């Protein structure tokens, strides 16, 4: 009985960690609001990307903390986040350049 309780507790803890990670995304990341994320998603989609980011996406990226985004892309949780939202991280990291913005050199 104790093993079953431990397994249940571990599973609930894992779910809580994942939900906490997604809750952070819902509020936006690195000064990129959830509306900004949505505006950029079509251009960074895994399937059938639009190619060029929208004006709304570029405006959101211009207001974002780009060094923070560079640090965030190295986060272990970014892979889960990208798969959940069906974002290709290489396309996502190319969006600032397509908007005429420069990423930090060490990004």
PDB file of N, CA and C in Angstrom:
ATOM      1  N   UNK A   1       0.811  -1.185   0.000  1.00  0.00           N
ATOM      2  CA  UNK A   1       0.000   0.000   0.000  1.00  0.00           C
ATOM      3  C   UNK A   1       0.863   1.261   0.000  1.00  0.00           C
ATOM      4  N   UNK A   2       1.963   1.257   0.710  1.00  0.00           N
ATOM      5  CA  UNK A   2       2.825   2.427   0.790  1.00  0.00           C
ATOM      6  C   UNK A   2       3.445   2.742  -0.574  1.00  0.00           C
ATOM      7  N   UNK A   3       3.791   1.721  -1.337  1.00  0.00           N
ATOM      8  CA  UNK A   3       4.365   1.946  -2.670  1.00  0.00           C
ATOM      9  C   UNK A   3       3.352   2.592  -3.603  1.00  0.00           C
ATOM     10  N   UNK A   4       2.118   2.168  -3.528  1.00  0.00           N
ATOM     11  CA  UNK A   4       1.074   2.743  -4.371  1.00  0.00           C
ATOM     12  C   UNK A   4       0.870   4.218  -4.035  1.00  0.00           C
ATOM     13  N   UNK A   5       0.923   4.548  -2.754  1.00  0.00           N
ATOM     14  CA  UNK A   5       0.785   5.949  -2.344  1.00  0.00           C
ATOM     15  C   UNK A   5       1.973   6.776  -2.816  1.00  0.00           C
ATOM     16  N   UNK A   6       3.167   6.214  -2.742  1.00  0.00           N
ATOM     17  CA  UNK A   6       4.355   6.914  -3.211  1.00  0.00           C
ATOM     18  C   UNK A   6       4.287   7.153  -4.709  1.00  0.00           C
ATOM     19  N   UNK A   7       3.835   6.156  -5.456  1.00  0.00           N
ATOM     20  CA  UNK A   7       3.724   6.303  -6.905  1.00  0.00           C
ATOM     21  C   UNK A   7       2.696   7.367  -7.258  1.00  0.00           C
ATOM     22  N   UNK A   8       1.585   7.376  -6.552  1.00  0.00           N
ATOM     23  CA  UNK A   8       0.548   8.378  -6.791  1.00  0.00           C
ATOM     24  C   UNK A   8       1.064   9.775  -6.461  1.00  0.00           C
ATOM     25  N   UNK A   9       1.758   9.898  -5.350  1.00  0.00           N
ATOM     26  CA  UNK A   9       2.320  11.191  -4.957  1.00  0.00           C
ATOM     27  C   UNK A   9       3.324  11.673  -5.992  1.00  0.00           C
ATOM     28  N   UNK A  10       4.178  10.776  -6.473  1.00  0.00           N
ATOM     29  CA  UNK A  10       5.173  11.148  -7.486  1.00  0.00           C
ATOM     30  C   UNK A  10       4.494  11.591  -8.779  1.00  0.00           C
ATOM     31  N   UNK A  11       3.444  10.890  -9.181  1.00  0.00           N
ATOM     32  CA  UNK A  11       2.730  11.256 -10.408  1.00  0.00           C
ATOM     33  C   UNK A  11       2.062  12.622 -10.255  1.00  0.00           C
ATOM     34  N   UNK A  12       1.457  12.873  -9.121  1.00  0.00           N
ATOM     35  CA  UNK A  12       0.823  14.173  -8.885  1.00  0.00           C
ATOM     36  C   UNK A  12       1.851  15.294  -8.864  1.00  0.00           C
ATOM     37  N   UNK A  13       3.008  15.027  -8.288  1.00  0.00           N
ATOM     38  CA  UNK A  13       4.072  16.026  -8.266  1.00  0.00           C
ATOM     39  C   UNK A  13       4.548  16.338  -9.683  1.00  0.00           C
ATOM     40  N   UNK A  14       4.699  15.317 -10.510  1.00  0.00           N
ATOM     41  CA  UNK A  14       5.120  15.529 -11.902  1.00  0.00           C
ATOM     42  C   UNK A  14       4.097  16.373 -12.656  1.00  0.00           C
ATOM     43  N   UNK A  15       2.821  16.090 -12.462  1.00  0.00           N
ATOM     44  CA  UNK A  15       1.774  16.871 -13.118  1.00  0.00           C
ATOM     45  C   UNK A  15       1.820  18.317 -12.635  1.00  0.00           C
ATOM     46  N   UNK A  16       2.030  18.523 -11.352  1.00  0.00           N
ATOM     47  CA  UNK A  16       2.104  19.881 -10.806  1.00  0.00           C
ATOM     48  C   UNK A  16       3.267  20.659 -11.405  1.00  0.00           C
ATOM     49  N   UNK A  17       4.409  20.000 -11.590  1.00  0.00           N
ATOM     50  CA  UNK A  17       5.574  20.671 -12.183  1.00  0.00           C
ATOM     51  C   UNK A  17       5.276  21.096 -13.613  1.00  0.00           C
ATOM     52  N   UNK A  18       4.668  20.212 -14.393  1.00  0.00           N
ATOM     53  CA  UNK A  18       4.342  20.534 -15.786  1.00  0.00           C
ATOM     54  C   UNK A  18       3.331  21.673 -15.843  1.00  0.00           C
ATOM     55  N   UNK A  19       2.302  21.614 -15.009  1.00  0.00           N
ATOM     56  CA  UNK A  19       1.294  22.678 -15.007  1.00  0.00           C
ATOM     57  C   UNK A  19       1.890  24.011 -14.596  1.00  0.00           C
ATOM     58  N   UNK A  20       2.815  24.001 -13.658  1.00  0.00           N
ATOM     59  CA  UNK A  20       3.488  25.233 -13.251  1.00  0.00           C
ATOM     60  C   UNK A  20       4.285  25.807 -14.407  1.00  0.00           C
ATOM     61  N   UNK A  21       4.961  24.950 -15.165  1.00  0.00           N
ATOM     62  CA  UNK A  21       5.727  25.430 -16.320  1.00  0.00           C
ATOM     63  C   UNK A  21       4.805  26.062 -17.348  1.00  0.00           C
ATOM     64  N   UNK A  22       3.668  25.430 -17.635  1.00  0.00           N
ATOM     65  CA  UNK A  22       2.739  25.980 -18.611  1.00  0.00           C
ATOM     66  C   UNK A  22       2.058  27.239 -18.101  1.00  0.00           C
ATOM     67  N   UNK A  23       1.847  27.343 -16.804  1.00  0.00           N
ATOM     68  CA  UNK A  23       1.243  28.554 -16.244  1.00  0.00           C
ATOM     69  C   UNK A  23       2.166  29.746 -16.459  1.00  0.00           C
ATOM     70  N   UNK A  24       3.481  29.514 -16.379  1.00  0.00           N
ATOM     71  CA  UNK A  24       4.428  30.601 -16.648  1.00  0.00           C
ATOM     72  C   UNK A  24       4.350  31.066 -18.087  1.00  0.00           C
ATOM     73  N   UNK A  25       4.131  30.158 -19.009  1.00  0.00           N
ATOM     74  CA  UNK A  25       4.007  30.514 -20.414  1.00  0.00           C
ATOM     75  C   UNK A  25       2.737  31.322 -20.650  1.00  0.00           C
ATOM     76  N   UNK A  26       1.657  30.956 -19.961  1.00  0.00           N
ATOM     77  CA  UNK A  26       0.384  31.647 -20.154  1.00  0.00           C
ATOM     78  C   UNK A  26       0.500  33.122 -19.821  1.00  0.00           C
ATOM     79  N   UNK A  27       1.386  33.482 -18.909  1.00  0.00           N
ATOM     80  CA  UNK A  27       1.598  34.880 -18.538  1.00  0.00           C
ATOM     81  C   UNK A  27       2.605  35.545 -19.464  1.00  0.00           C
ATOM     82  N   UNK A  28       3.178  34.793 -20.360  1.00  0.00           N
ATOM     83  CA  UNK A  28       4.205  35.320 -21.245  1.00  0.00           C
ATOM     84  C   UNK A  28       5.586  35.033 -20.680  1.00  0.00           C
ATOM     85  N   UNK A  29       6.575  35.225 -21.514  1.00  0.00           N
ATOM     86  CA  UNK A  29       7.957  35.018 -21.082  1.00  0.00           C
ATOM     87  C   UNK A  29       8.800  36.154 -21.615  1.00  0.00           C
ATOM     88  N   UNK A  30       9.713  36.600 -20.799  1.00  0.00           N
ATOM     89  CA  UNK A  30      10.703  37.594 -21.212  1.00  0.00           C
ATOM     90  C   UNK A  30      10.053  38.837 -21.831  1.00  0.00           C
ATOM     91  N   UNK A  31       9.012  39.337 -21.206  1.00  0.00           N
ATOM     92  CA  UNK A  31       8.257  40.508 -21.681  1.00  0.00           C
ATOM     93  C   UNK A  31       7.534  40.258 -23.008  1.00  0.00           C
ATOM     94  N   UNK A  32       7.425  39.016 -23.402  1.00  0.00           N
ATOM     95  CA  UNK A  32       6.650  38.650 -24.584  1.00  0.00           C
ATOM     96  C   UNK A  32       5.323  38.104 -24.065  1.00  0.00           C
ATOM     97  N   UNK A  33       4.269  38.872 -24.216  1.00  0.00           N
ATOM     98  CA  UNK A  33       2.964  38.511 -23.659  1.00  0.00           C
ATOM     99  C   UNK A  33       2.391  37.285 -24.341  1.00  0.00           C
ATOM    100  N   UNK A  34       1.338  36.749 -23.740  1.00  0.00           N
ATOM    101  CA  UNK A  34       0.690  35.604 -24.379  1.00  0.00           C
ATOM    102  C   UNK A  34       0.101  36.012 -25.730  1.00  0.00           C
ATOM    103  N   UNK A  35      -0.355  37.262 -25.874  1.00  0.00           N
ATOM    104  CA  UNK A  35      -0.827  37.738 -27.181  1.00  0.00           C
ATOM    105  C   UNK A  35       0.328  37.813 -28.183  1.00  0.00           C
ATOM    106  N   UNK A  36       1.486  38.218 -27.709  1.00  0.00           N
ATOM    107  CA  UNK A  36       2.673  38.254 -28.568  1.00  0.00           C
ATOM    108  C   UNK A  36       3.083  36.862 -29.015  1.00  0.00           C
ATOM    109  N   UNK A  37       3.017  35.918 -28.079  1.00  0.00           N
ATOM    110  CA  UNK A  37       3.334  34.533 -28.430  1.00  0.00           C
ATOM    111  C   UNK A  37       2.377  34.019 -29.499  1.00  0.00           C
ATOM    112  N   UNK A  38       1.103  34.311 -29.328  1.00  0.00           N
ATOM    113  CA  UNK A  38       0.101  33.878 -30.307  1.00  0.00           C
ATOM    114  C   UNK A  38       0.327  34.545 -31.664  1.00  0.00           C
ATOM    115  N   UNK A  39       0.725  35.814 -31.663  1.00  0.00           N
ATOM    116  CA  UNK A  39       0.970  36.524 -32.922  1.00  0.00           C
ATOM    117  C   UNK A  39       2.159  35.929 -33.673  1.00  0.00           C
ATOM    118  N   UNK A  40       3.114  35.397 -32.933  1.00  0.00           N
ATOM    119  CA  UNK A  40       4.321  34.845 -33.562  1.00  0.00           C
ATOM    120  C   UNK A  40       4.208  33.360 -33.896  1.00  0.00           C
ATOM    121  N   UNK A  41       3.273  32.689 -33.293  1.00  0.00           N
ATOM    122  CA  UNK A  41       3.173  31.243 -33.488  1.00  0.00           C
ATOM    123  C   UNK A  41       3.039  30.833 -34.957  1.00  0.00           C
ATOM    124  N   UNK A  42       2.220  31.495 -35.791  1.00  0.00           N
ATOM    125  CA  UNK A  42       2.088  31.037 -37.188  1.00  0.00           C
ATOM    126  C   UNK A  42       3.419  31.029 -37.953  1.00  0.00           C
ATOM    127  N   UNK A  43       4.287  31.977 -37.672  1.00  0.00           N
ATOM    128  CA  UNK A  43       5.566  32.051 -38.386  1.00  0.00           C
ATOM    129  C   UNK A  43       6.598  31.066 -37.853  1.00  0.00           C
ATOM    130  N   UNK A  44       6.357  30.527 -36.653  1.00  0.00           N
ATOM    131  CA  UNK A  44       7.299  29.584 -36.056  1.00  0.00           C
ATOM    132  C   UNK A  44       6.706  28.183 -35.944  1.00  0.00           C
ATOM    133  N   UNK A  45       5.595  27.953 -36.602  1.00  0.00           N
ATOM    134  CA  UNK A  45       4.902  26.664 -36.492  1.00  0.00           C
ATOM    135  C   UNK A  45       5.744  25.531 -37.058  1.00  0.00           C
ATOM    136  N   UNK A  46       5.572  24.360 -36.458  1.00  0.00           N
ATOM    137  CA  UNK A  46       6.271  23.170 -36.947  1.00  0.00           C
ATOM    138  C   UNK A  46       5.775  22.822 -38.345  1.00  0.00           C
ATOM    139  N   UNK A  47       4.461  22.869 -38.532  1.00  0.00           N
ATOM    140  CA  UNK A  47       3.871  22.535 -39.832  1.00  0.00           C
ATOM    141  C   UNK A  47       3.263  23.774 -40.469  1.00  0.00           C
ATOM    142  N   UNK A  48       3.501  23.945 -41.739  1.00  0.00           N
ATOM    143  CA  UNK A  48       2.928  25.032 -42.531  1.00  0.00           C
ATOM    144  C   UNK A  48       3.145  26.426 -41.943  1.00  0.00           C
ATOM    145  N   UNK A  49       4.396  26.777 -41.651  1.00  0.00           N
ATOM    146  CA  UNK A  49       4.622  28.125 -41.130  1.00  0.00           C
ATOM    147  C   UNK A  49       4.318  29.177 -42.199  1.00  0.00           C
ATOM    148  N   UNK A  50       3.965  30.361 -41.757  1.00  0.00           N
ATOM    149  CA  UNK A  50       3.622  31.424 -42.696  1.00  0.00           C
ATOM    150  C   UNK A  50       4.847  32.007 -43.389  1.00  0.00           C
ATOM    151  N   UNK A  51       6.009  31.782 -42.855  1.00  0.00           N
ATOM    152  CA  UNK A  51       7.239  32.316 -43.452  1.00  0.00           C
ATOM    153  C   UNK A  51       7.620  33.638 -42.833  1.00  0.00           C
ATOM    154  N   UNK A  52       6.846  34.661 -43.089  1.00  0.00           N
ATOM    155  CA  UNK A  52       7.147  35.986 -42.556  1.00  0.00           C
ATOM    156  C   UNK A  52       6.317  36.244 -41.303  1.00  0.00           C
ATOM    157  N   UNK A  53       6.927  36.821 -40.277  1.00  0.00           N
ATOM    158  CA  UNK A  53       6.152  37.168 -39.084  1.00  0.00           C
ATOM    159  C   UNK A  53       5.226  38.346 -39.360  1.00  0.00           C
ATOM    160  N   UNK A  54       4.122  38.385 -38.646  1.00  0.00           N
ATOM    161  CA  UNK A  54       3.168  39.492 -38.796  1.00  0.00           C
ATOM    162  C   UNK A  54       3.716  40.758 -38.142  1.00  0.00           C
ATOM    163  N   UNK A  55       3.102  41.878 -38.469  1.00  0.00           N
ATOM    164  CA  UNK A  55       3.483  43.151 -37.840  1.00  0.00           C
ATOM    165  C   UNK A  55       3.273  43.081 -36.334  1.00  0.00           C
ATOM    166  N   UNK A  56       2.214  42.394 -35.895  1.00  0.00           N
ATOM    167  CA  UNK A  56       1.951  42.243 -34.461  1.00  0.00           C
ATOM    168  C   UNK A  56       3.043  41.427 -33.785  1.00  0.00           C
ATOM    169  N   UNK A  57       3.517  40.394 -34.471  1.00  0.00           N
ATOM    170  CA  UNK A  57       4.605  39.577 -33.934  1.00  0.00           C
ATOM    171  C   UNK A  57       5.871  40.428 -33.791  1.00  0.00           C
ATOM    172  N   UNK A  58       6.204  41.176 -34.822  1.00  0.00           N
ATOM    173  CA  UNK A  58       7.408  42.001 -34.776  1.00  0.00           C
ATOM    174  C   UNK A  58       7.321  43.064 -33.687  1.00  0.00           C
ATOM    175  N   UNK A  59       6.133  43.644 -33.498  1.00  0.00           N
ATOM    176  CA  UNK A  59       5.952  44.635 -32.435  1.00  0.00           C
ATOM    177  C   UNK A  59       6.138  43.979 -31.070  1.00  0.00           C
ATOM    178  N   UNK A  60       5.619  42.764 -30.915  1.00  0.00           N
ATOM    179  CA  UNK A  60       5.777  42.052 -29.649  1.00  0.00           C
ATOM    180  C   UNK A  60       7.243  41.715 -29.393  1.00  0.00           C
ATOM    181  N   UNK A  61       7.953  41.285 -30.425  1.00  0.00           N
ATOM    182  CA  UNK A  61       9.372  40.964 -30.267  1.00  0.00           C
ATOM    183  C   UNK A  61      10.202  42.207 -29.974  1.00  0.00           C
ATOM    184  N   UNK A  62       9.817  43.342 -30.555  1.00  0.00           N
ATOM    185  CA  UNK A  62      10.543  44.589 -30.296  1.00  0.00           C
ATOM    186  C   UNK A  62      10.440  44.986 -28.825  1.00  0.00           C
ATOM    187  N   UNK A  63       9.335  44.617 -28.175  1.00  0.00           N
ATOM    188  CA  UNK A  63       9.146  44.942 -26.758  1.00  0.00           C
ATOM    189  C   UNK A  63       9.685  43.847 -25.832  1.00  0.00           C
ATOM    190  N   UNK A  64      10.060  42.706 -26.397  1.00  0.00           N
ATOM    191  CA  UNK A  64      10.519  41.572 -25.585  1.00  0.00           C
ATOM    192  C   UNK A  64      11.955  41.776 -25.123  1.00  0.00           C
ATOM    193  N   UNK A  65      12.308  41.062 -24.095  1.00  0.00           N
ATOM    194  CA  UNK A  65      13.670  41.041 -23.565  1.00  0.00           C
ATOM    195  C   UNK A  65      14.423  39.941 -24.324  1.00  0.00           C
ATOM    196  N   UNK A  66      15.102  40.307 -25.404  1.00  0.00           N
ATOM    197  CA  UNK A  66      15.750  39.315 -26.270  1.00  0.00           C
ATOM    198  C   UNK A  66      16.866  38.539 -25.566  1.00  0.00           C
ATOM    199  N   UNK A  67      17.713  39.186 -24.722  1.00  0.00           N
ATOM    200  CA  UNK A  67      18.695  38.373 -23.984  1.00  0.00           C
ATOM    201  C   UNK A  67      18.030  37.321 -23.092  1.00  0.00           C
ATOM    202  N   UNK A  68      16.888  37.671 -22.510  1.00  0.00           N
ATOM    203  CA  UNK A  68      16.144  36.711 -21.699  1.00  0.00           C
ATOM    204  C   UNK A  68      15.664  35.550 -22.565  1.00  0.00           C
ATOM    205  N   UNK A  69      15.164  35.843 -23.763  1.00  0.00           N
ATOM    206  CA  UNK A  69      14.723  34.774 -24.666  1.00  0.00           C
ATOM    207  C   UNK A  69      15.873  33.842 -25.024  1.00  0.00           C
ATOM    208  N   UNK A  70      17.059  34.408 -25.185  1.00  0.00           N
ATOM    209  CA  UNK A  70      18.227  33.570 -25.483  1.00  0.00           C
ATOM    210  C   UNK A  70      18.537  32.638 -24.312  1.00  0.00           C
ATOM    211  N   UNK A  71      18.447  33.148 -23.098  1.00  0.00           N
ATOM    212  CA  UNK A  71      18.669  32.295 -21.927  1.00  0.00           C
ATOM    213  C   UNK A  71      17.554  31.262 -21.806  1.00  0.00           C
ATOM    214  N   UNK A  72      16.333  31.671 -22.090  1.00  0.00           N
ATOM    215  CA  UNK A  72      15.182  30.793 -21.958  1.00  0.00           C
ATOM    216  C   UNK A  72      15.250  29.625 -22.933  1.00  0.00           C
ATOM    217  N   UNK A  73      15.784  29.844 -24.121  1.00  0.00           N
ATOM    218  CA  UNK A  73      15.832  28.754 -25.113  1.00  0.00           C
ATOM    219  C   UNK A  73      16.723  27.610 -24.657  1.00  0.00           C
ATOM    220  N   UNK A  74      17.604  27.875 -23.698  1.00  0.00           N
ATOM    221  CA  UNK A  74      18.468  26.820 -23.172  1.00  0.00           C
ATOM    222  C   UNK A  74      17.852  26.123 -21.954  1.00  0.00           C
ATOM    223  N   UNK A  75      16.679  26.537 -21.549  1.00  0.00           N
ATOM    224  CA  UNK A  75      16.000  25.960 -20.397  1.00  0.00           C
ATOM    225  C   UNK A  75      15.523  24.547 -20.725  1.00  0.00           C
ATOM    226  N   UNK A  76      15.634  23.622 -19.760  1.00  0.00           N
ATOM    227  CA  UNK A  76      15.160  22.258 -20.007  1.00  0.00           C
ATOM    228  C   UNK A  76      13.664  22.178 -20.317  1.00  0.00           C
ATOM    229  N   UNK A  77      12.883  23.119 -19.824  1.00  0.00           N
ATOM    230  CA  UNK A  77      11.433  23.060 -20.044  1.00  0.00           C
ATOM    231  C   UNK A  77      11.014  23.580 -21.416  1.00  0.00           C
ATOM    232  N   UNK A  78      11.922  24.218 -22.145  1.00  0.00           N
ATOM    233  CA  UNK A  78      11.540  24.808 -23.417  1.00  0.00           C
ATOM    234  C   UNK A  78      11.137  23.748 -24.443  1.00  0.00           C
ATOM    235  N   UNK A  79      11.728  22.571 -24.383  1.00  0.00           N
ATOM    236  CA  UNK A  79      11.358  21.504 -25.315  1.00  0.00           C
ATOM    237  C   UNK A  79       9.919  21.061 -25.134  1.00  0.00           C
ATOM    238  N   UNK A  80       9.501  20.933 -23.889  1.00  0.00           N
ATOM    239  CA  UNK A  80       8.118  20.559 -23.601  1.00  0.00           C
ATOM    240  C   UNK A  80       7.182  21.657 -24.073  1.00  0.00           C
ATOM    241  N   UNK A  81       7.525  22.880 -23.760  1.00  0.00           N
ATOM    242  CA  UNK A  81       6.720  24.043 -24.153  1.00  0.00           C
ATOM    243  C   UNK A  81       6.599  24.122 -25.673  1.00  0.00           C
ATOM    244  N   UNK A  82       7.706  23.949 -26.373  1.00  0.00           N
ATOM    245  CA  UNK A  82       7.703  24.051 -27.836  1.00  0.00           C
ATOM    246  C   UNK A  82       6.842  22.949 -28.465  1.00  0.00           C
ATOM    247  N   UNK A  83       6.952  21.741 -27.945  1.00  0.00           N
ATOM    248  CA  UNK A  83       6.131  20.644 -28.478  1.00  0.00           C
ATOM    249  C   UNK A  83       4.653  20.881 -28.186  1.00  0.00           C
ATOM    250  N   UNK A  84       4.346  21.372 -27.005  1.00  0.00           N
ATOM    251  CA  UNK A  84       2.954  21.616 -26.632  1.00  0.00           C
ATOM    252  C   UNK A  84       2.307  22.647 -27.558  1.00  0.00           C
ATOM    253  N   UNK A  85       3.042  23.714 -27.842  1.00  0.00           N
ATOM    254  CA  UNK A  85       2.512  24.776 -28.696  1.00  0.00           C
ATOM    255  C   UNK A  85       2.833  24.566 -30.172  1.00  0.00           C
ATOM    256  N   UNK A  86       3.500  23.454 -30.494  1.00  0.00           N
ATOM    257  CA  UNK A  86       3.875  23.100 -31.872  1.00  0.00           C
ATOM    258  C   UNK A  86       4.711  24.199 -32.533  1.00  0.00           C
ATOM    259  N   UNK A  87       5.753  24.592 -31.794  1.00  0.00           N
ATOM    260  CA  UNK A  87       6.672  25.639 -32.244  1.00  0.00           C
ATOM    261  C   UNK A  87       8.004  25.005 -32.608  1.00  0.00           C
ATOM    262  N   UNK A  88       8.557  25.374 -33.742  1.00  0.00           N
ATOM    263  CA  UNK A  88       9.900  24.975 -34.137  1.00  0.00           C
ATOM    264  C   UNK A  88      10.854  26.025 -33.565  1.00  0.00           C
ATOM    265  N   UNK A  89      11.711  25.608 -32.643  1.00  0.00           N
ATOM    266  CA  UNK A  89      12.572  26.578 -31.955  1.00  0.00           C
ATOM    267  C   UNK A  89      13.540  27.273 -32.907  1.00  0.00           C
ATOM    268  N   UNK A  90      14.013  26.598 -33.947  1.00  0.00           N
ATOM    269  CA  UNK A  90      14.903  27.259 -34.904  1.00  0.00           C
ATOM    270  C   UNK A  90      14.166  28.380 -35.635  1.00  0.00           C
ATOM    271  N   UNK A  91      12.929  28.110 -36.030  1.00  0.00           N
ATOM    272  CA  UNK A  91      12.123  29.159 -36.671  1.00  0.00           C
ATOM    273  C   UNK A  91      11.833  30.284 -35.693  1.00  0.00           C
ATOM    274  N   UNK A  92      11.510  29.918 -34.457  1.00  0.00           N
ATOM    275  CA  UNK A  92      11.196  30.935 -33.450  1.00  0.00           C
ATOM    276  C   UNK A  92      12.390  31.854 -33.215  1.00  0.00           C
ATOM    277  N   UNK A  93      13.578  31.288 -33.134  1.00  0.00           N
ATOM    278  CA  UNK A  93      14.759  32.109 -32.872  1.00  0.00           C
ATOM    279  C   UNK A  93      15.183  32.911 -34.103  1.00  0.00           C
ATOM    280  N   UNK A  94      14.667  32.582 -35.277  1.00  0.00           N
ATOM    281  CA  UNK A  94      14.954  33.355 -36.486  1.00  0.00           C
ATOM    282  C   UNK A  94      14.009  34.553 -36.634  1.00  0.00           C
ATOM    283  N   UNK A  95      12.907  34.568 -35.891  1.00  0.00           N
ATOM    284  CA  UNK A  95      11.917  35.632 -36.046  1.00  0.00           C
ATOM    285  C   UNK A  95      12.460  37.033 -35.753  1.00  0.00           C
ATOM    286  N   UNK A  96      13.258  37.235 -34.688  1.00  0.00           N
ATOM    287  CA  UNK A  96      13.760  38.597 -34.476  1.00  0.00           C
ATOM    288  C   UNK A  96      14.525  39.140 -35.684  1.00  0.00           C
ATOM    289  N   UNK A  97      15.353  38.315 -36.297  1.00  0.00           N
ATOM    290  CA  UNK A  97      16.097  38.752 -37.486  1.00  0.00           C
ATOM    291  C   UNK A  97      15.172  39.117 -38.632  1.00  0.00           C
ATOM    292  N   UNK A  98      14.081  38.346 -38.800  1.00  0.00           N
ATOM    293  CA  UNK A  98      13.116  38.648 -39.855  1.00  0.00           C
ATOM    294  C   UNK A  98      12.357  39.939 -39.577  1.00  0.00           C
ATOM    295  N   UNK A  99      12.374  40.342 -38.310  1.00  0.00           N
ATOM    296  CA  UNK A  99      11.714  41.606 -37.918  1.00  0.00           C
ATOM    297  C   UNK A  99      12.701  42.768 -37.879  1.00  0.00           C
ATOM    298  N   UNK A 100      13.953  42.523 -38.290  1.00  0.00           N
ATOM    299  CA  UNK A 100      14.959  43.572 -38.278  1.00  0.00           C
ATOM    300  C   UNK A 100      15.566  43.816 -36.893  1.00  0.00           C
ATOM    301  N   UNK A 101      15.417  42.852 -35.989  1.00  0.00           N
ATOM    302  CA  UNK A 101      15.979  42.969 -34.645  1.00  0.00           C
ATOM    303  C   UNK A 101      17.220  42.105 -34.542  1.00  0.00           C
ATOM    304  N   UNK A 102      18.138  42.503 -33.703  1.00  0.00           N
ATOM    305  CA  UNK A 102      19.370  41.753 -33.525  1.00  0.00           C
ATOM    306  C   UNK A 102      19.347  41.009 -32.196  1.00  0.00           C
ATOM    307  N   UNK A 103      19.661  39.725 -32.253  1.00  0.00           N
ATOM    308  CA  UNK A 103      19.808  38.928 -31.036  1.00  0.00           C
ATOM    309  C   UNK A 103      21.214  39.155 -30.483  1.00  0.00           C
ATOM    310  N   UNK A 104      21.408  38.976 -29.188  1.00  0.00           N
ATOM    311  CA  UNK A 104      22.761  39.089 -28.634  1.00  0.00           C
ATOM    312  C   UNK A 104      23.702  38.102 -29.332  1.00  0.00           C
ATOM    313  N   UNK A 105      24.978  38.454 -29.365  1.00  0.00           N
ATOM    314  CA  UNK A 105      25.974  37.649 -30.075  1.00  0.00           C
ATOM    315  C   UNK A 105      26.063  36.230 -29.539  1.00  0.00           C
ATOM    316  N   UNK A 106      25.895  36.052 -28.241  1.00  0.00           N
ATOM    317  CA  UNK A 106      26.056  34.712 -27.638  1.00  0.00           C
ATOM    318  C   UNK A 106      24.754  33.915 -27.632  1.00  0.00           C
ATOM    319  N   UNK A 107      23.771  34.339 -28.393  1.00  0.00           N
ATOM    320  CA  UNK A 107      22.485  33.662 -28.422  1.00  0.00           C
ATOM    321  C   UNK A 107      22.615  32.482 -29.333  1.00  0.00           C
TER     322      UNK A 107
END
